Amino acid sequence: MTKQIISCYDASQGVQSMEGEIGIHIERKFQSHIDEEWARKIAQEVLKAESITPPYEMSLVFTDSATVQRLNRDYRGVDEPTDVLAFYMLPQHGADADFVSPPDDITHLGEVIISCPKAVEQAKEQGHSTAQELTLLIIHGILHLLGYDHEKPEEEVKMKAREKELLERAIST
């Protein structure tokens, strides 16, 4: 897994402090189609727009549909392919209050897993580029990490509106 650590050196303290870490893993067969720096930039922009301040860490994984379907089955009990899964580490609404976060002052966001073949398929169906679909899936996954959901109609409206706003911002930069 490739990771980027943005750090700054505080001369008065003589130590390095981690600002933000976004791990990117692209399965070998998709590496020629996805630029790590592009994906990282999208993630950073979403986190910034959502007021996530460093230090934080999360990861993005770009893989095949079979892997995503297996994870969907094993962790959600849904044995079907899907486009994106989000495994969050932040306490979610209604979650077990006894969950203890690591005492390292880092906001551990979680992991977003994206099916590259599903992104290509959905881009064709929607009549836009694969890059736009991947951008949308990165945004969607990160919003899930941050507690957004679409199980109830009012939640879906809120999440879709935020996705649209963030997608427009990402496309314009």
N, C-alpha and C. Protein backbone atom coordinates (compact mmCIF):
# COMPACT_ATOMS: atom_id res chain seq x y z
N MET A 1 0.84 -1.16 0.00
CA MET A 1 0.00 0.00 0.00
C MET A 1 0.89 1.24 0.00
N THR A 2 0.57 2.18 -0.87
CA THR A 2 1.31 3.43 -0.94
C THR A 2 0.62 4.42 -0.03
N LYS A 3 1.39 5.16 0.74
CA LYS A 3 0.81 6.14 1.65
C LYS A 3 1.53 7.46 1.46
N GLN A 4 0.77 8.53 1.66
CA GLN A 4 1.37 9.85 1.66
C GLN A 4 1.23 10.40 3.06
N ILE A 5 2.31 10.90 3.59
CA ILE A 5 2.26 11.55 4.88
C ILE A 5 2.66 12.99 4.65
N ILE A 6 1.74 13.88 4.94
CA ILE A 6 2.04 15.30 4.85
C ILE A 6 2.49 15.69 6.24
N SER A 7 3.71 16.17 6.37
CA SER A 7 4.19 16.48 7.70
C SER A 7 4.87 17.82 7.72
N CYS A 8 4.96 18.36 8.91
CA CYS A 8 5.67 19.62 9.07
C CYS A 8 6.64 19.47 10.23
N TYR A 9 7.73 20.17 10.13
CA TYR A 9 8.74 20.10 11.16
C TYR A 9 8.64 21.34 12.03
N ASP A 10 8.40 21.15 13.30
CA ASP A 10 8.31 22.24 14.26
C ASP A 10 9.68 22.36 14.92
N ALA A 11 10.45 23.37 14.51
CA ALA A 11 11.82 23.52 15.01
C ALA A 11 11.86 23.73 16.52
N SER A 12 10.85 24.38 17.07
CA SER A 12 10.85 24.63 18.52
C SER A 12 10.67 23.35 19.31
N GLN A 13 9.98 22.40 18.74
CA GLN A 13 9.74 21.12 19.41
C GLN A 13 10.75 20.06 19.01
N GLY A 14 11.30 20.22 17.80
CA GLY A 14 12.27 19.25 17.32
C GLY A 14 11.65 17.92 16.93
N VAL A 15 10.36 17.92 16.60
CA VAL A 15 9.69 16.68 16.22
C VAL A 15 8.85 16.92 14.97
N GLN A 16 8.56 15.82 14.29
CA GLN A 16 7.65 15.90 13.16
C GLN A 16 6.26 15.54 13.64
N SER A 17 5.26 16.25 13.13
CA SER A 17 3.88 15.91 13.48
C SER A 17 3.13 15.54 12.21
N MET A 18 2.33 14.51 12.28
CA MET A 18 1.58 14.07 11.11
C MET A 18 0.40 14.98 10.90
N GLU A 19 0.23 15.46 9.69
CA GLU A 19 -0.90 16.33 9.35
C GLU A 19 -2.07 15.50 8.82
N GLY A 20 -1.82 14.68 7.85
CA GLY A 20 -2.88 13.87 7.26
C GLY A 20 -2.27 12.72 6.48
N GLU A 21 -2.95 11.61 6.50
CA GLU A 21 -2.45 10.44 5.79
C GLU A 21 -3.60 9.82 5.01
N ILE A 22 -3.39 9.68 3.72
CA ILE A 22 -4.38 9.02 2.87
C ILE A 22 -3.64 7.90 2.15
N GLY A 23 -3.92 6.68 2.57
CA GLY A 23 -3.31 5.52 1.93
C GLY A 23 -4.08 5.19 0.67
N ILE A 24 -3.37 4.89 -0.39
CA ILE A 24 -4.00 4.53 -1.66
C ILE A 24 -3.48 3.17 -2.07
N HIS A 25 -4.40 2.26 -2.34
CA HIS A 25 -4.02 0.95 -2.88
C HIS A 25 -4.82 0.73 -4.15
N ILE A 26 -4.11 0.55 -5.23
CA ILE A 26 -4.75 0.28 -6.53
C ILE A 26 -4.30 -1.10 -6.97
N GLU A 27 -5.27 -2.00 -7.12
CA GLU A 27 -4.93 -3.34 -7.58
C GLU A 27 -4.15 -3.24 -8.90
N ARG A 28 -3.15 -4.07 -9.03
CA ARG A 28 -2.20 -3.99 -10.14
C ARG A 28 -2.89 -3.81 -11.51
N LYS A 29 -3.94 -4.56 -11.77
CA LYS A 29 -4.54 -4.49 -13.11
C LYS A 29 -5.26 -3.18 -13.39
N PHE A 30 -5.43 -2.33 -12.37
CA PHE A 30 -6.08 -1.03 -12.56
C PHE A 30 -5.10 0.14 -12.44
N GLN A 31 -3.83 -0.15 -12.16
CA GLN A 31 -2.86 0.90 -11.91
C GLN A 31 -2.64 1.83 -13.10
N SER A 32 -2.78 1.32 -14.29
CA SER A 32 -2.57 2.18 -15.47
C SER A 32 -3.78 3.07 -15.73
N HIS A 33 -4.89 2.85 -15.04
CA HIS A 33 -6.12 3.61 -15.26
C HIS A 33 -6.41 4.65 -14.19
N ILE A 34 -5.74 4.56 -13.05
CA ILE A 34 -6.04 5.46 -11.93
C ILE A 34 -4.74 6.10 -11.44
N ASP A 35 -4.74 7.40 -11.37
CA ASP A 35 -3.59 8.14 -10.88
C ASP A 35 -3.74 8.36 -9.37
N GLU A 36 -2.76 7.89 -8.61
CA GLU A 36 -2.80 8.01 -7.15
C GLU A 36 -2.94 9.44 -6.68
N GLU A 37 -2.17 10.32 -7.26
CA GLU A 37 -2.20 11.72 -6.83
C GLU A 37 -3.55 12.36 -7.10
N TRP A 38 -4.17 12.01 -8.22
CA TRP A 38 -5.52 12.50 -8.54
C TRP A 38 -6.51 12.03 -7.48
N ALA A 39 -6.49 10.74 -7.15
CA ALA A 39 -7.42 10.19 -6.15
C ALA A 39 -7.18 10.84 -4.79
N ARG A 40 -5.92 11.01 -4.42
CA ARG A 40 -5.58 11.63 -3.14
C ARG A 40 -6.09 13.07 -3.08
N LYS A 41 -5.92 13.80 -4.17
CA LYS A 41 -6.38 15.19 -4.23
C LYS A 41 -7.89 15.27 -4.04
N ILE A 42 -8.63 14.39 -4.70
CA ILE A 42 -10.09 14.36 -4.54
C ILE A 42 -10.44 14.13 -3.07
N ALA A 43 -9.81 13.13 -2.47
CA ALA A 43 -10.08 12.81 -1.06
C ALA A 43 -9.74 14.00 -0.15
N GLN A 44 -8.61 14.62 -0.38
CA GLN A 44 -8.21 15.77 0.44
C GLN A 44 -9.21 16.91 0.32
N GLU A 45 -9.69 17.16 -0.88
CA GLU A 45 -10.65 18.23 -1.10
C GLU A 45 -11.98 17.94 -0.40
N VAL A 46 -12.42 16.70 -0.44
CA VAL A 46 -13.66 16.33 0.25
C VAL A 46 -13.49 16.51 1.76
N LEU A 47 -12.40 16.03 2.30
CA LEU A 47 -12.15 16.16 3.74
C LEU A 47 -12.09 17.64 4.15
N LYS A 48 -11.42 18.44 3.34
CA LYS A 48 -11.33 19.88 3.62
C LYS A 48 -12.72 20.52 3.58
N ALA A 49 -13.51 20.19 2.58
CA ALA A 49 -14.86 20.75 2.44
C ALA A 49 -15.76 20.33 3.60
N GLU A 50 -15.48 19.17 4.18
CA GLU A 50 -16.27 18.67 5.30
C GLU A 50 -15.66 19.07 6.65
N SER A 51 -14.70 19.98 6.61
CA SER A 51 -14.06 20.53 7.82
C SER A 51 -13.35 19.48 8.67
N ILE A 52 -12.78 18.49 8.01
CA ILE A 52 -11.97 17.50 8.73
C ILE A 52 -10.57 18.08 8.82
N THR A 53 -10.15 18.33 10.03
CA THR A 53 -8.85 18.94 10.23
C THR A 53 -7.83 17.89 10.65
N PRO A 54 -6.60 18.08 10.22
CA PRO A 54 -5.53 17.15 10.60
C PRO A 54 -5.31 17.15 12.10
N PRO A 55 -4.74 16.11 12.61
CA PRO A 55 -4.28 14.93 11.88
C PRO A 55 -5.43 13.94 11.64
N TYR A 56 -5.41 13.31 10.49
CA TYR A 56 -6.39 12.28 10.15
C TYR A 56 -5.70 11.21 9.33
N GLU A 57 -6.40 10.08 9.21
CA GLU A 57 -5.92 9.03 8.31
C GLU A 57 -7.12 8.27 7.76
N MET A 58 -6.97 7.85 6.53
CA MET A 58 -7.97 7.03 5.85
C MET A 58 -7.29 6.34 4.69
N SER A 59 -8.00 5.42 4.06
CA SER A 59 -7.44 4.80 2.87
C SER A 59 -8.50 4.61 1.81
N LEU A 60 -8.02 4.60 0.57
CA LEU A 60 -8.84 4.32 -0.60
C LEU A 60 -8.28 3.06 -1.26
N VAL A 61 -9.15 2.13 -1.59
CA VAL A 61 -8.75 0.90 -2.26
C VAL A 61 -9.54 0.78 -3.55
N PHE A 62 -8.83 0.57 -4.64
CA PHE A 62 -9.45 0.38 -5.96
C PHE A 62 -9.20 -1.07 -6.35
N THR A 63 -10.29 -1.83 -6.51
CA THR A 63 -10.14 -3.27 -6.71
C THR A 63 -11.18 -3.79 -7.71
N ASP A 64 -11.32 -5.10 -7.79
CA ASP A 64 -12.25 -5.72 -8.73
C ASP A 64 -13.61 -5.96 -8.08
N SER A 65 -14.58 -6.30 -8.90
CA SER A 65 -15.95 -6.51 -8.42
C SER A 65 -16.09 -7.72 -7.52
N ALA A 66 -15.33 -8.77 -7.80
CA ALA A 66 -15.41 -9.98 -6.97
C ALA A 66 -14.98 -9.69 -5.53
N THR A 67 -13.94 -8.91 -5.37
CA THR A 67 -13.47 -8.55 -4.03
C THR A 67 -14.52 -7.72 -3.29
N VAL A 68 -15.08 -6.76 -4.00
CA VAL A 68 -16.09 -5.91 -3.37
C VAL A 68 -17.33 -6.73 -3.01
N GLN A 69 -17.73 -7.63 -3.89
CA GLN A 69 -18.89 -8.48 -3.59
C GLN A 69 -18.61 -9.37 -2.37
N ARG A 70 -17.41 -9.93 -2.28
CA ARG A 70 -17.07 -10.76 -1.13
C ARG A 70 -17.12 -9.94 0.16
N LEU A 71 -16.57 -8.75 0.14
CA LEU A 71 -16.61 -7.89 1.32
C LEU A 71 -18.04 -7.50 1.68
N ASN A 72 -18.83 -7.22 0.66
CA ASN A 72 -20.25 -6.88 0.86
C ASN A 72 -20.98 -8.04 1.53
N ARG A 73 -20.70 -9.25 1.08
CA ARG A 73 -21.31 -10.45 1.66
C ARG A 73 -20.82 -10.68 3.10
N ASP A 74 -19.52 -10.62 3.28
CA ASP A 74 -18.95 -10.93 4.59
C ASP A 74 -19.27 -9.91 5.67
N TYR A 75 -19.34 -8.63 5.31
CA TYR A 75 -19.52 -7.60 6.32
C TYR A 75 -20.90 -6.96 6.36
N ARG A 76 -21.66 -7.08 5.26
CA ARG A 76 -23.00 -6.50 5.25
C ARG A 76 -24.08 -7.56 5.09
N GLY A 77 -23.68 -8.79 4.80
CA GLY A 77 -24.65 -9.86 4.62
C GLY A 77 -25.41 -9.75 3.31
N VAL A 78 -24.87 -9.01 2.34
CA VAL A 78 -25.51 -8.82 1.04
C VAL A 78 -24.60 -9.41 -0.02
N ASP A 79 -24.98 -10.57 -0.55
CA ASP A 79 -24.13 -11.27 -1.52
C ASP A 79 -24.43 -10.78 -2.93
N GLU A 80 -24.13 -9.50 -3.16
CA GLU A 80 -24.33 -8.87 -4.46
C GLU A 80 -23.18 -7.91 -4.72
N PRO A 81 -22.89 -7.67 -5.99
CA PRO A 81 -21.86 -6.68 -6.29
C PRO A 81 -22.36 -5.28 -5.93
N THR A 82 -21.45 -4.40 -5.64
CA THR A 82 -21.79 -3.01 -5.39
C THR A 82 -20.63 -2.15 -5.87
N ASP A 83 -20.84 -0.86 -5.93
CA ASP A 83 -19.81 0.02 -6.47
C ASP A 83 -18.81 0.50 -5.43
N VAL A 84 -19.28 0.75 -4.21
CA VAL A 84 -18.39 1.29 -3.18
C VAL A 84 -18.84 0.81 -1.81
N LEU A 85 -17.87 0.51 -0.98
CA LEU A 85 -18.11 0.16 0.42
C LEU A 85 -17.29 1.10 1.29
N ALA A 86 -17.83 1.44 2.42
CA ALA A 86 -17.10 2.30 3.37
C ALA A 86 -17.09 1.61 4.72
N PHE A 87 -15.90 1.43 5.25
CA PHE A 87 -15.72 0.85 6.58
C PHE A 87 -15.22 1.96 7.48
N TYR A 88 -16.14 2.54 8.23
CA TYR A 88 -15.81 3.72 9.04
C TYR A 88 -15.25 3.33 10.40
N MET A 89 -14.47 4.24 10.95
CA MET A 89 -13.92 4.05 12.29
C MET A 89 -14.44 5.10 13.25
N LEU A 90 -15.07 6.15 12.72
CA LEU A 90 -15.65 7.16 13.60
C LEU A 90 -16.94 6.60 14.19
N PRO A 91 -17.27 6.95 15.44
CA PRO A 91 -18.54 6.51 16.00
C PRO A 91 -19.69 7.05 15.14
N GLN A 92 -20.61 6.20 14.80
CA GLN A 92 -21.76 6.60 14.00
C GLN A 92 -22.99 6.75 14.88
N HIS A 93 -23.97 7.46 14.39
CA HIS A 93 -25.22 7.64 15.12
C HIS A 93 -25.80 6.27 15.49
N GLY A 94 -26.10 6.08 16.75
CA GLY A 94 -26.68 4.82 17.21
C GLY A 94 -25.65 3.73 17.46
N ALA A 95 -24.36 4.06 17.34
CA ALA A 95 -23.32 3.05 17.54
C ALA A 95 -23.08 2.80 19.02
N ASP A 96 -22.38 1.74 19.29
CA ASP A 96 -22.03 1.36 20.65
C ASP A 96 -21.20 2.46 21.30
N ALA A 97 -21.70 3.04 22.37
CA ALA A 97 -21.02 4.15 23.05
C ALA A 97 -19.76 3.69 23.77
N ASP A 98 -19.58 2.38 23.93
CA ASP A 98 -18.41 1.87 24.62
C ASP A 98 -17.17 1.78 23.74
N PHE A 99 -17.32 2.10 22.45
CA PHE A 99 -16.19 2.05 21.53
C PHE A 99 -15.16 3.09 21.96
N VAL A 100 -13.92 2.68 22.08
CA VAL A 100 -12.86 3.58 22.52
C VAL A 100 -11.94 3.86 21.34
N SER A 101 -11.72 5.14 21.06
CA SER A 101 -10.81 5.54 20.00
C SER A 101 -9.37 5.45 20.51
N PRO A 102 -8.43 5.17 19.61
CA PRO A 102 -7.03 5.14 20.02
C PRO A 102 -6.62 6.50 20.59
N PRO A 103 -5.74 6.52 21.58
CA PRO A 103 -5.36 7.77 22.23
C PRO A 103 -4.24 8.52 21.51
N ASP A 104 -4.23 8.51 20.19
CA ASP A 104 -3.13 9.13 19.46
C ASP A 104 -3.48 10.48 18.86
N ASP A 105 -4.67 10.99 19.14
CA ASP A 105 -5.13 12.28 18.64
C ASP A 105 -5.26 12.34 17.13
N ILE A 106 -5.24 11.20 16.47
CA ILE A 106 -5.45 11.13 15.03
C ILE A 106 -6.90 10.74 14.78
N THR A 107 -7.56 11.44 13.87
CA THR A 107 -8.91 11.06 13.49
C THR A 107 -8.80 9.91 12.50
N HIS A 108 -9.11 8.72 12.96
CA HIS A 108 -9.08 7.53 12.12
C HIS A 108 -10.44 7.43 11.42
N LEU A 109 -10.46 7.73 10.13
CA LEU A 109 -11.71 7.79 9.40
C LEU A 109 -12.19 6.43 8.92
N GLY A 110 -11.28 5.62 8.39
CA GLY A 110 -11.66 4.30 7.90
C GLY A 110 -11.17 4.06 6.48
N GLU A 111 -11.88 3.20 5.77
CA GLU A 111 -11.43 2.76 4.46
C GLU A 111 -12.58 2.76 3.47
N VAL A 112 -12.30 3.23 2.27
CA VAL A 112 -13.27 3.22 1.17
C VAL A 112 -12.77 2.23 0.13
N ILE A 113 -13.63 1.28 -0.24
CA ILE A 113 -13.28 0.25 -1.23
C ILE A 113 -14.15 0.49 -2.46
N ILE A 114 -13.50 0.65 -3.62
CA ILE A 114 -14.22 0.97 -4.86
C ILE A 114 -13.99 -0.14 -5.89
N SER A 115 -15.08 -0.56 -6.53
CA SER A 115 -15.01 -1.53 -7.61
C SER A 115 -14.76 -0.78 -8.92
N CYS A 116 -13.58 -0.95 -9.48
CA CYS A 116 -13.24 -0.28 -10.74
C CYS A 116 -14.13 -0.73 -11.90
N PRO A 117 -14.38 -2.03 -12.07
CA PRO A 117 -15.27 -2.45 -13.16
C PRO A 117 -16.68 -1.87 -13.02
N LYS A 118 -17.18 -1.79 -11.80
CA LYS A 118 -18.51 -1.23 -11.57
C LYS A 118 -18.52 0.26 -11.92
N ALA A 119 -17.44 0.95 -11.62
CA ALA A 119 -17.34 2.38 -11.96
C ALA A 119 -17.39 2.57 -13.48
N VAL A 120 -16.70 1.72 -14.22
CA VAL A 120 -16.71 1.80 -15.69
C VAL A 120 -18.12 1.55 -16.21
N GLU A 121 -18.76 0.52 -15.68
CA GLU A 121 -20.12 0.16 -16.09
C GLU A 121 -21.10 1.30 -15.81
N GLN A 122 -21.03 1.87 -14.62
CA GLN A 122 -21.96 2.94 -14.23
C GLN A 122 -21.69 4.22 -15.02
N ALA A 123 -20.44 4.49 -15.35
CA ALA A 123 -20.12 5.67 -16.16
C ALA A 123 -20.78 5.56 -17.53
N LYS A 124 -20.70 4.38 -18.12
CA LYS A 124 -21.34 4.17 -19.43
C LYS A 124 -22.85 4.35 -19.32
N GLU A 125 -23.45 3.77 -18.28
CA GLU A 125 -24.90 3.89 -18.06
C GLU A 125 -25.33 5.35 -17.87
N GLN A 126 -24.51 6.13 -17.17
CA GLN A 126 -24.85 7.52 -16.86
C GLN A 126 -24.42 8.50 -17.96
N GLY A 127 -23.63 8.01 -18.91
CA GLY A 127 -23.19 8.86 -20.01
C GLY A 127 -22.13 9.89 -19.63
N HIS A 128 -21.30 9.55 -18.66
CA HIS A 128 -20.19 10.43 -18.32
C HIS A 128 -18.89 9.63 -18.24
N SER A 129 -17.81 10.31 -17.96
CA SER A 129 -16.50 9.65 -17.96
C SER A 129 -16.32 8.75 -16.74
N THR A 130 -15.41 7.80 -16.89
CA THR A 130 -15.06 6.94 -15.76
C THR A 130 -14.43 7.77 -14.65
N ALA A 131 -13.65 8.78 -15.01
CA ALA A 131 -13.05 9.66 -13.99
C ALA A 131 -14.12 10.34 -13.16
N GLN A 132 -15.18 10.80 -13.80
CA GLN A 132 -16.27 11.44 -13.04
C GLN A 132 -16.95 10.43 -12.13
N GLU A 133 -17.15 9.22 -12.61
CA GLU A 133 -17.79 8.19 -11.78
C GLU A 133 -16.90 7.82 -10.60
N LEU A 134 -15.60 7.68 -10.83
CA LEU A 134 -14.68 7.38 -9.73
C LEU A 134 -14.66 8.52 -8.72
N THR A 135 -14.71 9.76 -9.21
CA THR A 135 -14.77 10.92 -8.31
C THR A 135 -16.01 10.84 -7.44
N LEU A 136 -17.13 10.55 -8.06
CA LEU A 136 -18.39 10.42 -7.31
C LEU A 136 -18.31 9.31 -6.27
N LEU A 137 -17.70 8.19 -6.63
CA LEU A 137 -17.59 7.07 -5.69
C LEU A 137 -16.64 7.40 -4.53
N ILE A 138 -15.57 8.13 -4.81
CA ILE A 138 -14.68 8.57 -3.72
C ILE A 138 -15.46 9.48 -2.78
N ILE A 139 -16.17 10.44 -3.34
CA ILE A 139 -16.97 11.36 -2.53
C ILE A 139 -18.00 10.59 -1.72
N HIS A 140 -18.73 9.71 -2.37
CA HIS A 140 -19.79 8.93 -1.71
C HIS A 140 -19.22 8.12 -0.54
N GLY A 141 -18.11 7.44 -0.80
CA GLY A 141 -17.50 6.63 0.25
C GLY A 141 -17.03 7.46 1.43
N ILE A 142 -16.39 8.59 1.16
CA ILE A 142 -15.90 9.44 2.25
C ILE A 142 -17.07 10.01 3.05
N LEU A 143 -18.13 10.40 2.37
CA LEU A 143 -19.30 10.90 3.10
C LEU A 143 -19.86 9.82 4.03
N HIS A 144 -19.84 8.57 3.60
CA HIS A 144 -20.25 7.48 4.49
C HIS A 144 -19.31 7.40 5.71
N LEU A 145 -18.01 7.54 5.48
CA LEU A 145 -17.07 7.52 6.60
C LEU A 145 -17.39 8.60 7.61
N LEU A 146 -17.93 9.70 7.13
CA LEU A 146 -18.21 10.86 7.98
C LEU A 146 -19.62 10.84 8.57
N GLY A 147 -20.35 9.75 8.33
CA GLY A 147 -21.65 9.60 8.97
C GLY A 147 -22.85 9.86 8.09
N TYR A 148 -22.65 10.26 6.84
CA TYR A 148 -23.79 10.43 5.93
C TYR A 148 -24.34 9.05 5.59
N ASP A 149 -25.64 9.01 5.32
CA ASP A 149 -26.27 7.75 4.94
C ASP A 149 -27.41 8.03 3.98
N HIS A 150 -27.97 6.98 3.41
CA HIS A 150 -29.09 7.13 2.48
C HIS A 150 -30.13 6.04 2.69
N GLU A 151 -30.23 5.55 3.91
CA GLU A 151 -31.22 4.52 4.23
C GLU A 151 -32.63 5.09 4.29
N LYS A 152 -32.76 6.30 4.80
CA LYS A 152 -34.06 6.98 4.89
C LYS A 152 -34.13 8.06 3.82
N PRO A 153 -35.34 8.32 3.30
CA PRO A 153 -35.47 9.32 2.22
C PRO A 153 -34.85 10.69 2.54
N GLU A 154 -35.05 11.18 3.76
CA GLU A 154 -34.50 12.50 4.10
C GLU A 154 -32.97 12.47 4.17
N GLU A 155 -32.41 11.34 4.59
CA GLU A 155 -30.95 11.19 4.61
C GLU A 155 -30.40 11.14 3.19
N GLU A 156 -31.13 10.43 2.32
CA GLU A 156 -30.70 10.31 0.93
C GLU A 156 -30.69 11.66 0.24
N VAL A 157 -31.70 12.48 0.47
CA VAL A 157 -31.77 13.81 -0.13
C VAL A 157 -30.56 14.65 0.31
N LYS A 158 -30.27 14.61 1.61
CA LYS A 158 -29.14 15.37 2.15
C LYS A 158 -27.81 14.88 1.56
N MET A 159 -27.63 13.56 1.50
CA MET A 159 -26.38 13.00 0.99
C MET A 159 -26.21 13.28 -0.49
N LYS A 160 -27.26 13.10 -1.28
CA LYS A 160 -27.18 13.34 -2.73
C LYS A 160 -26.86 14.80 -3.01
N ALA A 161 -27.46 15.72 -2.25
CA ALA A 161 -27.20 17.14 -2.45
C ALA A 161 -25.73 17.46 -2.16
N ARG A 162 -25.20 16.89 -1.09
CA ARG A 162 -23.80 17.13 -0.74
C ARG A 162 -22.87 16.51 -1.78
N GLU A 163 -23.20 15.30 -2.26
CA GLU A 163 -22.41 14.67 -3.31
C GLU A 163 -22.36 15.55 -4.56
N LYS A 164 -23.50 16.07 -4.94
CA LYS A 164 -23.58 16.91 -6.14
C LYS A 164 -22.72 18.16 -5.97
N GLU A 165 -22.82 18.79 -4.83
CA GLU A 165 -22.02 19.99 -4.55
C GLU A 165 -20.52 19.69 -4.60
N LEU A 166 -20.11 18.60 -3.96
CA LEU A 166 -18.70 18.24 -3.93
C LEU A 166 -18.20 17.79 -5.30
N LEU A 167 -19.05 17.11 -6.07
CA LEU A 167 -18.67 16.69 -7.41
C LEU A 167 -18.47 17.89 -8.31
N GLU A 168 -19.38 18.86 -8.23
CA GLU A 168 -19.24 20.08 -9.03
C GLU A 168 -17.95 20.81 -8.68
N ARG A 169 -17.64 20.85 -7.39
CA ARG A 169 -16.41 21.50 -6.94
C ARG A 169 -15.19 20.75 -7.47
N ALA A 170 -15.22 19.42 -7.42
CA ALA A 170 -14.08 18.60 -7.87
C ALA A 170 -13.87 18.73 -9.37
N ILE A 171 -14.94 18.77 -10.12
CA ILE A 171 -14.85 18.86 -11.58
C ILE A 171 -14.31 20.22 -12.01
N SER A 172 -14.64 21.26 -11.24
CA SER A 172 -14.21 22.61 -11.62
C SER A 172 -12.75 22.90 -11.28
N THR A 173 -12.11 22.02 -10.49
CA THR A 173 -10.71 22.29 -10.12
C THR A 173 -9.75 21.53 -10.99
